[in-house]
């Protein structure tokens, strides 16, 4: 064997190493799929239950407010029919006392004077009791006619007062709370200058008819 036939091993003669390169199939493998989202049916049910609860609470609040208003109205206006009858009694007492002029009172004996004073005291006490329960007499003499509180019976030609003023009260009116229990029966002026508006608070409670 010749020396030329003997040569040192070269790198090219090395045993090929085992391939460890990542195969294309492995590199392209998809990432693990995300876990499926939890069902939203429970969320929907909770939202619907919350909406029903809020609606129920709103209905209960409205019912409470409506009940409070009804109770307040019942307290304020529940005696309307009774008060309407009682003010008729007050009217009769007032008319009876108004029929006695100063001359007749002066000529009356002591017993009659005591009786008249008792009737006057009874009338005032009756008015006070009505006011205690929210019933107030209104006498609009000299005020501007208000169709919401007054009922015009006739007109009076009078240039000395503004047109549309109440110049006579045939029957006093009454309020119960903020409502008209009975309008005042009045005579209204015409012919003068137009009357200026006057606030309803100027009604004179407790004044004569």
Protein backbone atom coordinates (compact mmCIF):
# COMPACT_ATOMS: atom_id res chain seq x y z
CA UNK A 1 0.00 0.00 0.00
CA UNK A 2 1.40 3.32 -0.99
CA UNK A 3 1.69 6.21 1.36
CA UNK A 4 -0.29 8.22 -1.12
CA UNK A 5 -3.20 5.99 -0.53
CA UNK A 6 -3.08 6.92 3.14
CA UNK A 7 -4.49 10.37 3.90
CA UNK A 8 -5.69 11.95 7.07
CA UNK A 9 -9.40 12.17 7.56
CA UNK A 10 -10.90 15.53 6.62
CA UNK A 11 -13.93 17.37 7.83
CA UNK A 12 -15.78 16.26 4.75
CA UNK A 13 -15.28 12.70 5.80
CA UNK A 14 -17.01 13.24 9.21
CA UNK A 15 -20.03 11.20 9.94
CA UNK A 16 -23.09 13.42 9.26
CA UNK A 17 -24.76 14.47 12.49
CA UNK A 18 -28.35 13.62 13.15
CA UNK A 19 -30.59 16.30 11.76
CA UNK A 20 -32.14 18.35 14.54
CA UNK A 21 -33.57 21.17 12.42
CA UNK A 22 -37.16 21.88 13.05
CA UNK A 23 -39.25 20.51 10.32
CA UNK A 24 -41.52 22.99 8.48
CA UNK A 25 -44.54 21.08 9.64
CA UNK A 26 -43.53 21.64 13.28
CA UNK A 27 -42.76 25.36 12.81
CA UNK A 28 -46.13 26.04 11.27
CA UNK A 29 -48.09 24.21 13.94
CA UNK A 30 -51.00 26.45 15.19
CA UNK A 31 -50.98 27.84 18.70
CA UNK A 32 -53.32 26.14 21.17
CA UNK A 33 -56.87 27.45 20.75
CA UNK A 34 -58.12 29.88 23.44
CA UNK A 35 -60.56 28.48 25.92
CA UNK A 36 -64.17 29.14 24.82
CA UNK A 37 -65.81 32.19 26.41
CA UNK A 38 -68.25 31.43 29.21
CA UNK A 39 -71.88 31.51 28.22
CA UNK A 40 -73.53 34.94 28.54
CA UNK A 41 -76.97 33.53 29.30
CA UNK A 42 -76.38 33.98 33.03
CA UNK A 43 -75.38 37.62 32.48
CA UNK A 44 -78.53 38.21 30.48
CA UNK A 45 -80.66 36.66 33.19
CA UNK A 46 -78.99 38.81 35.85
CA UNK A 47 -79.52 41.96 33.75
CA UNK A 48 -83.19 41.10 33.21
CA UNK A 49 -83.68 40.40 36.91
CA UNK A 50 -82.03 43.70 37.80
CA UNK A 51 -84.26 45.54 35.31
CA UNK A 52 -87.39 43.90 36.76
CA UNK A 53 -86.26 44.80 40.28
CA UNK A 54 -85.68 48.45 39.33
CA UNK A 55 -89.07 48.63 37.65
CA UNK A 56 -90.75 47.10 40.68
CA UNK A 57 -89.01 49.56 43.01
CA UNK A 58 -90.07 52.47 40.77
CA UNK A 59 -93.68 51.25 40.76
CA UNK A 60 -93.66 50.89 44.54
CA UNK A 61 -92.26 54.42 44.94
CA UNK A 62 -94.93 55.84 42.62
CA UNK A 63 -97.61 53.96 44.54
CA UNK A 64 -96.27 55.30 47.84
CA UNK A 65 -96.31 58.89 46.57
CA UNK A 66 -99.81 58.46 45.11
CA UNK A 67 -101.05 57.00 48.39
CA UNK A 68 -99.53 59.88 50.35
CA UNK A 69 -101.28 62.39 48.06
CA UNK A 70 -104.59 60.58 48.40
CA UNK A 71 -104.27 60.50 52.18
CA UNK A 72 -103.39 64.20 52.28
CA UNK A 73 -106.36 65.03 50.02
CA UNK A 74 -108.66 62.91 52.15
CA UNK A 75 -107.55 64.77 55.25
CA UNK A 76 -107.88 68.19 53.63
CA UNK A 77 -111.00 67.69 51.54
CA UNK A 78 -112.77 64.70 53.08
CA UNK A 79 -115.10 66.99 55.03
CA UNK A 80 -116.12 69.04 51.97
CA UNK A 81 -119.74 67.89 51.95
CA UNK A 82 -120.08 68.35 55.70
CA UNK A 83 -118.38 71.77 55.58
CA UNK A 84 -120.67 72.89 52.76
CA UNK A 85 -123.68 72.18 54.95
CA UNK A 86 -122.15 73.86 57.99
CA UNK A 87 -121.32 77.09 56.15
CA UNK A 88 -125.02 77.30 55.33
CA UNK A 89 -125.73 77.37 59.07
CA UNK A 90 -123.11 80.11 59.50
CA UNK A 91 -124.81 82.10 56.72
CA UNK A 92 -128.21 81.87 58.42
CA UNK A 93 -126.76 83.04 61.72
CA UNK A 94 -125.06 85.97 60.02
CA UNK A 95 -128.23 86.99 58.17
CA UNK A 96 -130.23 86.82 61.39
CA UNK A 97 -127.77 89.12 63.15
CA UNK A 98 -127.53 91.47 60.17
CA UNK A 99 -131.32 91.95 60.23
CA UNK A 100 -131.01 93.75 63.58
CA UNK A 101 -129.85 97.30 62.98
CA UNK A 102 -128.20 99.51 65.57
CA UNK A 103 -131.51 101.16 66.50
CA UNK A 104 -133.18 97.84 67.35
CA UNK A 105 -130.14 96.77 69.34
CA UNK A 106 -130.21 100.02 71.30
CA UNK A 107 -133.88 99.57 72.17
CA UNK A 108 -133.49 95.92 73.18
CA UNK A 109 -133.77 95.05 76.85
CA UNK A 110 -130.89 93.48 78.74
CA UNK A 111 -132.09 89.94 78.29
CA UNK A 112 -132.34 90.41 74.50
CA UNK A 113 -128.90 92.03 74.37
CA UNK A 114 -127.40 89.09 76.24
CA UNK A 115 -129.10 86.73 73.79
CA UNK A 116 -127.73 88.65 70.80
CA UNK A 117 -124.24 88.64 72.27
CA UNK A 118 -124.49 84.88 72.75
CA UNK A 119 -125.53 84.38 69.12
CA UNK A 120 -122.64 86.58 67.93
CA UNK A 121 -120.19 84.61 70.04
CA UNK A 122 -121.59 81.36 68.65
CA UNK A 123 -121.18 82.63 65.10
CA UNK A 124 -117.57 83.66 65.70
CA UNK A 125 -116.81 80.33 67.35
CA UNK A 126 -118.33 78.49 64.39
CA UNK A 127 -116.13 80.45 61.97
CA UNK A 128 -113.08 79.69 64.12
CA UNK A 129 -113.87 75.96 64.14
CA UNK A 130 -114.26 75.98 60.35
CA UNK A 131 -110.91 77.72 59.93
CA UNK A 132 -109.32 75.21 62.27
CA UNK A 133 -110.36 72.50 59.82
CA UNK A 134 -109.15 74.39 56.75
CA UNK A 135 -112.39 76.14 55.80
CA UNK A 136 -111.93 79.89 55.33
CA UNK A 137 -114.51 82.56 54.57
CA UNK A 138 -113.67 85.00 51.78
CA UNK A 139 -115.30 88.37 51.32
CA UNK A 140 -113.96 90.01 48.13
CA UNK A 141 -115.59 93.42 48.57
CA UNK A 142 -113.52 96.05 46.74
CA UNK A 143 -111.31 93.48 45.00
CA UNK A 144 -111.02 92.64 41.31
CA UNK A 145 -113.59 90.12 40.17
CA UNK A 146 -112.09 86.62 40.00
CA UNK A 147 -114.26 84.13 38.09
CA UNK A 148 -112.43 81.27 39.80
CA UNK A 149 -113.62 82.39 43.24
CA UNK A 150 -116.56 84.70 42.63
CA UNK A 151 -119.90 84.35 40.91
CA UNK A 152 -121.21 87.56 39.37
CA UNK A 153 -124.95 88.04 39.92
CA UNK A 154 -125.30 91.39 38.15
CA UNK A 155 -123.37 94.51 37.10
CA UNK A 156 -123.56 97.96 38.63
CA UNK A 157 -122.86 101.15 36.69
CA UNK A 158 -120.34 103.01 38.83
CA UNK A 159 -117.71 105.36 37.41
CA UNK A 160 -116.16 105.99 40.83
CA UNK A 161 -114.55 102.55 41.03
CA UNK A 162 -112.49 100.58 38.52
CA UNK A 163 -114.53 98.47 36.11
CA UNK A 164 -114.60 94.82 37.09
CA UNK A 165 -114.44 95.49 40.84
CA UNK A 166 -116.62 93.72 43.38
CA UNK A 167 -118.93 96.44 44.75
CA UNK A 168 -121.37 94.24 46.66
CA UNK A 169 -121.27 90.80 48.28
CA UNK A 170 -124.60 89.07 48.57
CA UNK A 171 -123.14 85.90 50.00
CA UNK A 172 -119.59 85.28 51.20
CA UNK A 173 -117.60 82.49 49.62
CA UNK A 174 -115.57 79.77 51.30
CA UNK A 175 -112.33 77.97 50.55
CA UNK A 176 -111.31 74.55 51.80
CA UNK A 177 -107.58 74.19 51.55
CA UNK A 178 -106.70 75.60 48.14
CA UNK A 179 -110.05 74.71 46.57
CA UNK A 180 -113.22 76.73 46.33
CA UNK A 181 -115.86 75.21 48.57
CA UNK A 182 -118.43 77.79 47.50
CA UNK A 183 -117.94 80.90 45.34
CA UNK A 184 -118.91 84.31 46.67
CA UNK A 185 -122.05 85.81 45.11
CA UNK A 186 -121.16 89.35 44.07
CA UNK A 187 -122.14 92.42 42.07
CA UNK A 188 -119.50 93.77 39.70
CA UNK A 189 -118.93 97.37 38.65
CA UNK A 190 -118.74 98.60 35.08
CA UNK A 191 -118.09 101.91 33.36
CA UNK A 192 -114.96 102.99 35.24
CA UNK A 193 -111.30 102.44 34.45
CA UNK A 194 -110.16 98.85 34.18
CA UNK A 195 -109.44 97.28 37.58
CA UNK A 196 -105.91 96.15 38.33
CA UNK A 197 -105.28 92.55 39.32
CA UNK A 198 -105.28 91.88 43.04
CA UNK A 199 -103.75 88.76 44.62
CA UNK A 200 -106.19 86.18 45.93
CA UNK A 201 -104.50 86.43 49.32
CA UNK A 202 -106.28 89.77 49.77
CA UNK A 203 -109.55 87.99 50.34
CA UNK A 204 -110.75 89.01 53.77
CA UNK A 205 -111.39 85.87 55.81
CA UNK A 206 -113.97 86.15 58.48
CA UNK A 207 -115.47 89.41 57.32
CA UNK A 208 -119.20 89.92 57.08
CA UNK A 209 -121.41 89.19 54.11
